[in-house]
Amino acid sequence: MVTQEEDFGLPSEFADDVLDLVDQIPEGKVATYGDLAEILGRGGARGVGSVMARYGSDVPWWRVIRSGGYPPQGLEDEAVARWREESTPLVGGALGRRVDMARGRWEGPGS
């Protein structure tokens, strides 16, 4: 068994599952950290957030948001710009800076 210290920075099976799921979120849709943990049935919102912080740069990270519809902290401007490019529904229309979760939430694979 590989320990955390010996993992050479490679993603765990959980991290791989999170990243695979994020890759499935379609343009114009978002999921919260908690949504992804619930779909996976493990890890919790903080676990998903940890994976995204460490490994999320190669997946559409802007589609994974905080529960209130807000972008990841520190990446607000880039996320909002990408939402506008993808026509993600925003509270306040095109000038909004928060996702309209009633219209933009992805329900998971097959939805």
N, C-alpha and C. Protein backbone atom coordinates (compact mmCIF):
# COMPACT_ATOMS: atom_id res chain seq x y z
N MET A 1 0.84 -1.18 0.00
CA MET A 1 0.00 0.00 0.00
C MET A 1 0.88 1.24 0.00
N VAL A 2 0.53 2.20 -0.84
CA VAL A 2 1.28 3.46 -0.93
C VAL A 2 0.74 4.41 0.13
N THR A 3 1.61 4.97 0.93
CA THR A 3 1.18 5.94 1.93
C THR A 3 1.12 7.32 1.30
N GLN A 4 0.50 8.25 2.02
CA GLN A 4 0.38 9.62 1.54
C GLN A 4 1.76 10.19 1.21
N GLU A 5 2.75 9.90 2.05
CA GLU A 5 4.09 10.43 1.83
C GLU A 5 4.77 9.81 0.62
N GLU A 6 4.34 8.63 0.22
CA GLU A 6 4.98 7.91 -0.87
C GLU A 6 4.21 7.99 -2.18
N ASP A 7 3.17 8.79 -2.25
CA ASP A 7 2.32 8.77 -3.44
C ASP A 7 2.89 9.56 -4.62
N PHE A 8 4.03 10.21 -4.42
CA PHE A 8 4.72 10.93 -5.49
C PHE A 8 3.84 12.00 -6.14
N GLY A 9 2.85 12.50 -5.40
CA GLY A 9 1.99 13.55 -5.91
C GLY A 9 0.92 13.08 -6.88
N LEU A 10 0.79 11.78 -7.05
CA LEU A 10 -0.21 11.25 -7.97
C LEU A 10 -1.60 11.25 -7.33
N PRO A 11 -2.63 11.51 -8.11
CA PRO A 11 -3.98 11.51 -7.55
C PRO A 11 -4.39 10.13 -7.04
N SER A 12 -5.17 10.12 -5.97
CA SER A 12 -5.72 8.89 -5.43
C SER A 12 -6.89 8.42 -6.30
N GLU A 13 -7.42 7.27 -5.98
CA GLU A 13 -8.60 6.78 -6.70
C GLU A 13 -9.77 7.76 -6.52
N PHE A 14 -9.94 8.28 -5.30
CA PHE A 14 -10.99 9.27 -5.07
C PHE A 14 -10.78 10.50 -5.94
N ALA A 15 -9.55 10.99 -5.99
CA ALA A 15 -9.25 12.17 -6.82
C ALA A 15 -9.55 11.89 -8.28
N ASP A 16 -9.16 10.72 -8.75
CA ASP A 16 -9.46 10.35 -10.15
C ASP A 16 -10.97 10.35 -10.40
N ASP A 17 -11.73 9.82 -9.43
CA ASP A 17 -13.19 9.78 -9.58
C ASP A 17 -13.78 11.18 -9.61
N VAL A 18 -13.28 12.07 -8.75
CA VAL A 18 -13.76 13.46 -8.75
C VAL A 18 -13.46 14.11 -10.09
N LEU A 19 -12.24 13.98 -10.56
CA LEU A 19 -11.84 14.63 -11.82
C LEU A 19 -12.61 14.06 -13.00
N ASP A 20 -12.86 12.76 -13.01
CA ASP A 20 -13.67 12.15 -14.08
C ASP A 20 -15.09 12.71 -14.06
N LEU A 21 -15.65 12.90 -12.87
CA LEU A 21 -17.00 13.43 -12.75
C LEU A 21 -17.05 14.89 -13.21
N VAL A 22 -16.07 15.69 -12.82
CA VAL A 22 -16.03 17.09 -13.25
C VAL A 22 -15.98 17.19 -14.76
N ASP A 23 -15.23 16.29 -15.39
CA ASP A 23 -15.14 16.28 -16.86
C ASP A 23 -16.50 16.03 -17.52
N GLN A 24 -17.45 15.46 -16.79
CA GLN A 24 -18.77 15.15 -17.35
C GLN A 24 -19.75 16.31 -17.24
N ILE A 25 -19.44 17.34 -16.45
CA ILE A 25 -20.36 18.46 -16.31
C ILE A 25 -20.40 19.21 -17.64
N PRO A 26 -21.58 19.33 -18.24
CA PRO A 26 -21.66 19.99 -19.55
C PRO A 26 -21.51 21.50 -19.47
N GLU A 27 -21.15 22.10 -20.59
CA GLU A 27 -21.10 23.56 -20.67
C GLU A 27 -22.44 24.14 -20.25
N GLY A 28 -22.39 25.26 -19.53
CA GLY A 28 -23.61 25.92 -19.11
C GLY A 28 -24.21 25.36 -17.83
N LYS A 29 -23.58 24.34 -17.26
CA LYS A 29 -24.06 23.73 -16.03
C LYS A 29 -22.96 23.78 -14.99
N VAL A 30 -23.35 23.67 -13.72
CA VAL A 30 -22.40 23.65 -12.61
C VAL A 30 -22.84 22.63 -11.59
N ALA A 31 -21.91 22.28 -10.70
CA ALA A 31 -22.21 21.43 -9.55
C ALA A 31 -21.43 21.99 -8.37
N THR A 32 -21.99 21.84 -7.19
CA THR A 32 -21.27 22.27 -6.00
C THR A 32 -20.33 21.15 -5.56
N TYR A 33 -19.41 21.53 -4.69
CA TYR A 33 -18.50 20.53 -4.12
C TYR A 33 -19.31 19.43 -3.44
N GLY A 34 -20.34 19.83 -2.71
CA GLY A 34 -21.20 18.86 -2.03
C GLY A 34 -21.99 17.99 -2.99
N ASP A 35 -22.45 18.58 -4.10
CA ASP A 35 -23.17 17.79 -5.11
C ASP A 35 -22.30 16.64 -5.61
N LEU A 36 -21.04 16.96 -5.90
CA LEU A 36 -20.14 15.94 -6.43
C LEU A 36 -19.88 14.85 -5.40
N ALA A 37 -19.69 15.25 -4.15
CA ALA A 37 -19.48 14.25 -3.09
C ALA A 37 -20.70 13.35 -2.95
N GLU A 38 -21.89 13.94 -3.05
CA GLU A 38 -23.12 13.16 -2.95
C GLU A 38 -23.25 12.19 -4.12
N ILE A 39 -22.95 12.65 -5.32
CA ILE A 39 -23.02 11.77 -6.49
C ILE A 39 -22.05 10.60 -6.33
N LEU A 40 -20.85 10.90 -5.84
CA LEU A 40 -19.84 9.86 -5.65
C LEU A 40 -20.13 8.97 -4.45
N GLY A 41 -20.90 9.49 -3.49
CA GLY A 41 -21.22 8.72 -2.30
C GLY A 41 -20.09 8.67 -1.29
N ARG A 42 -19.15 9.62 -1.40
CA ARG A 42 -18.04 9.65 -0.45
C ARG A 42 -17.26 10.95 -0.59
N GLY A 43 -16.43 11.20 0.39
CA GLY A 43 -15.48 12.29 0.32
C GLY A 43 -15.90 13.60 0.93
N GLY A 44 -17.18 13.93 0.89
CA GLY A 44 -17.66 15.19 1.42
C GLY A 44 -17.20 16.38 0.59
N ALA A 45 -17.84 17.52 0.83
CA ALA A 45 -17.52 18.73 0.08
C ALA A 45 -16.07 19.14 0.26
N ARG A 46 -15.55 19.04 1.46
CA ARG A 46 -14.16 19.41 1.71
C ARG A 46 -13.19 18.50 0.97
N GLY A 47 -13.51 17.23 0.91
CA GLY A 47 -12.66 16.29 0.17
C GLY A 47 -12.62 16.62 -1.31
N VAL A 48 -13.79 16.95 -1.87
CA VAL A 48 -13.85 17.35 -3.28
C VAL A 48 -13.07 18.64 -3.48
N GLY A 49 -13.25 19.59 -2.56
CA GLY A 49 -12.52 20.85 -2.64
C GLY A 49 -11.02 20.66 -2.60
N SER A 50 -10.57 19.75 -1.77
CA SER A 50 -9.14 19.45 -1.68
C SER A 50 -8.61 18.88 -2.99
N VAL A 51 -9.37 17.98 -3.58
CA VAL A 51 -8.98 17.41 -4.88
C VAL A 51 -8.91 18.51 -5.93
N MET A 52 -9.92 19.36 -5.96
CA MET A 52 -9.95 20.42 -6.96
C MET A 52 -8.79 21.40 -6.78
N ALA A 53 -8.48 21.72 -5.53
CA ALA A 53 -7.36 22.63 -5.27
C ALA A 53 -6.03 22.04 -5.71
N ARG A 54 -5.89 20.75 -5.54
CA ARG A 54 -4.60 20.11 -5.85
C ARG A 54 -4.48 19.69 -7.31
N TYR A 55 -5.55 19.18 -7.88
CA TYR A 55 -5.47 18.56 -9.21
C TYR A 55 -6.42 19.15 -10.25
N GLY A 56 -7.24 20.12 -9.90
CA GLY A 56 -8.34 20.55 -10.75
C GLY A 56 -8.01 21.43 -11.94
N SER A 57 -6.77 21.80 -12.12
CA SER A 57 -6.45 22.75 -13.19
C SER A 57 -6.64 22.18 -14.60
N ASP A 58 -6.68 20.86 -14.74
CA ASP A 58 -6.80 20.25 -16.07
C ASP A 58 -8.24 19.85 -16.43
N VAL A 59 -9.18 20.17 -15.56
CA VAL A 59 -10.59 19.89 -15.82
C VAL A 59 -11.35 21.22 -15.79
N PRO A 60 -12.60 21.26 -16.22
CA PRO A 60 -13.36 22.51 -16.20
C PRO A 60 -13.73 22.93 -14.78
N TRP A 61 -12.72 23.38 -14.04
CA TRP A 61 -12.85 23.72 -12.61
C TRP A 61 -13.90 24.78 -12.35
N TRP A 62 -14.16 25.67 -13.30
CA TRP A 62 -15.13 26.76 -13.12
C TRP A 62 -16.56 26.24 -13.02
N ARG A 63 -16.75 24.98 -13.34
CA ARG A 63 -18.09 24.38 -13.24
C ARG A 63 -18.33 23.78 -11.86
N VAL A 64 -17.34 23.85 -10.97
CA VAL A 64 -17.48 23.36 -9.60
C VAL A 64 -17.46 24.59 -8.70
N ILE A 65 -18.58 24.80 -8.01
CA ILE A 65 -18.76 26.07 -7.32
C ILE A 65 -19.19 25.87 -5.87
N ARG A 66 -19.21 26.97 -5.14
CA ARG A 66 -19.67 26.96 -3.75
C ARG A 66 -21.20 26.87 -3.73
N SER A 67 -21.74 26.42 -2.64
CA SER A 67 -23.17 26.09 -2.56
C SER A 67 -24.09 27.27 -2.82
N GLY A 68 -23.67 28.48 -2.59
CA GLY A 68 -24.51 29.64 -2.85
C GLY A 68 -24.51 30.10 -4.29
N GLY A 69 -23.82 29.37 -5.15
CA GLY A 69 -23.75 29.74 -6.56
C GLY A 69 -22.54 30.60 -6.90
N TYR A 70 -21.63 30.73 -5.93
CA TYR A 70 -20.46 31.58 -6.12
C TYR A 70 -19.26 30.80 -6.65
N PRO A 71 -18.39 31.49 -7.40
CA PRO A 71 -17.20 30.82 -7.95
C PRO A 71 -16.18 30.49 -6.86
N PRO A 72 -15.21 29.65 -7.21
CA PRO A 72 -14.14 29.34 -6.25
C PRO A 72 -13.41 30.62 -5.84
N GLN A 73 -13.09 30.71 -4.56
CA GLN A 73 -12.39 31.89 -4.05
C GLN A 73 -11.04 32.05 -4.72
N GLY A 74 -10.74 33.28 -5.08
CA GLY A 74 -9.47 33.59 -5.73
C GLY A 74 -9.51 33.46 -7.23
N LEU A 75 -10.58 32.85 -7.76
CA LEU A 75 -10.69 32.62 -9.20
C LEU A 75 -11.99 33.23 -9.74
N GLU A 76 -12.55 34.17 -9.01
CA GLU A 76 -13.86 34.71 -9.34
C GLU A 76 -13.95 35.28 -10.75
N ASP A 77 -13.04 36.17 -11.09
CA ASP A 77 -13.12 36.84 -12.40
C ASP A 77 -13.01 35.85 -13.55
N GLU A 78 -12.08 34.93 -13.47
CA GLU A 78 -11.91 33.94 -14.55
C GLU A 78 -13.11 33.02 -14.64
N ALA A 79 -13.65 32.60 -13.50
CA ALA A 79 -14.82 31.72 -13.52
C ALA A 79 -16.02 32.42 -14.13
N VAL A 80 -16.27 33.66 -13.71
CA VAL A 80 -17.42 34.41 -14.24
C VAL A 80 -17.27 34.60 -15.76
N ALA A 81 -16.08 34.91 -16.21
CA ALA A 81 -15.85 35.07 -17.66
C ALA A 81 -16.16 33.77 -18.40
N ARG A 82 -15.75 32.65 -17.84
CA ARG A 82 -16.03 31.35 -18.48
C ARG A 82 -17.52 31.03 -18.45
N TRP A 83 -18.19 31.37 -17.35
CA TRP A 83 -19.64 31.15 -17.28
C TRP A 83 -20.34 31.93 -18.39
N ARG A 84 -19.91 33.16 -18.58
CA ARG A 84 -20.53 33.98 -19.63
C ARG A 84 -20.27 33.39 -21.00
N GLU A 85 -19.08 32.89 -21.24
CA GLU A 85 -18.75 32.25 -22.53
C GLU A 85 -19.63 31.04 -22.78
N GLU A 86 -19.94 30.30 -21.72
CA GLU A 86 -20.72 29.06 -21.84
C GLU A 86 -22.22 29.27 -21.66
N SER A 87 -22.64 30.52 -21.49
CA SER A 87 -24.06 30.85 -21.27
C SER A 87 -24.64 30.16 -20.04
N THR A 88 -23.84 30.05 -19.00
CA THR A 88 -24.33 29.53 -17.73
C THR A 88 -25.32 30.54 -17.16
N PRO A 89 -26.51 30.11 -16.71
CA PRO A 89 -27.49 31.07 -16.20
C PRO A 89 -26.98 31.74 -14.92
N LEU A 90 -27.00 33.07 -14.93
CA LEU A 90 -26.52 33.84 -13.80
C LEU A 90 -27.65 34.64 -13.16
N VAL A 91 -27.60 34.79 -11.86
CA VAL A 91 -28.53 35.67 -11.15
C VAL A 91 -28.20 37.09 -11.59
N GLY A 92 -29.19 37.81 -12.07
CA GLY A 92 -28.95 39.16 -12.57
C GLY A 92 -28.60 39.20 -14.04
N GLY A 93 -28.77 38.08 -14.72
CA GLY A 93 -28.50 38.05 -16.16
C GLY A 93 -27.02 38.10 -16.49
N ALA A 94 -26.70 38.64 -17.67
CA ALA A 94 -25.34 38.63 -18.19
C ALA A 94 -24.35 39.39 -17.30
N LEU A 95 -24.84 40.27 -16.45
CA LEU A 95 -23.94 41.02 -15.57
C LEU A 95 -23.78 40.36 -14.21
N GLY A 96 -24.47 39.24 -14.01
CA GLY A 96 -24.41 38.55 -12.72
C GLY A 96 -23.04 37.95 -12.43
N ARG A 97 -22.80 37.70 -11.16
CA ARG A 97 -21.54 37.10 -10.71
C ARG A 97 -21.80 35.87 -9.85
N ARG A 98 -23.02 35.34 -9.97
CA ARG A 98 -23.42 34.16 -9.20
C ARG A 98 -24.33 33.32 -10.09
N VAL A 99 -24.16 32.01 -10.04
CA VAL A 99 -24.96 31.10 -10.86
C VAL A 99 -26.36 30.98 -10.29
N ASP A 100 -27.34 30.99 -11.19
CA ASP A 100 -28.73 30.71 -10.83
C ASP A 100 -28.83 29.19 -10.67
N MET A 101 -28.77 28.73 -9.44
CA MET A 101 -28.69 27.30 -9.17
C MET A 101 -29.95 26.55 -9.61
N ALA A 102 -31.10 27.21 -9.60
CA ALA A 102 -32.33 26.55 -10.03
C ALA A 102 -32.27 26.17 -11.50
N ARG A 103 -31.57 26.95 -12.29
CA ARG A 103 -31.49 26.71 -13.73
C ARG A 103 -30.16 26.10 -14.17
N GLY A 104 -29.10 26.31 -13.41
CA GLY A 104 -27.78 25.89 -13.86
C GLY A 104 -27.20 24.67 -13.21
N ARG A 105 -27.88 24.12 -12.20
CA ARG A 105 -27.32 22.98 -11.46
C ARG A 105 -27.40 21.70 -12.30
N TRP A 106 -26.26 21.02 -12.36
CA TRP A 106 -26.17 19.72 -13.03
C TRP A 106 -26.58 18.66 -12.01
N GLU A 107 -27.42 17.75 -12.42
CA GLU A 107 -27.94 16.72 -11.51
C GLU A 107 -27.11 15.44 -11.53
N GLY A 108 -26.12 15.38 -12.37
CA GLY A 108 -25.27 14.19 -12.41
C GLY A 108 -25.34 13.48 -13.75
N PRO A 109 -24.53 12.43 -13.88
CA PRO A 109 -24.52 11.68 -15.14
C PRO A 109 -25.92 11.22 -15.52
N GLY A 110 -26.22 11.37 -16.80
CA GLY A 110 -27.52 10.95 -17.31
C GLY A 110 -28.63 11.96 -17.16
N SER A 111 -28.29 13.13 -16.60
CA SER A 111 -29.35 14.14 -16.42
C SER A 111 -29.40 15.10 -17.58
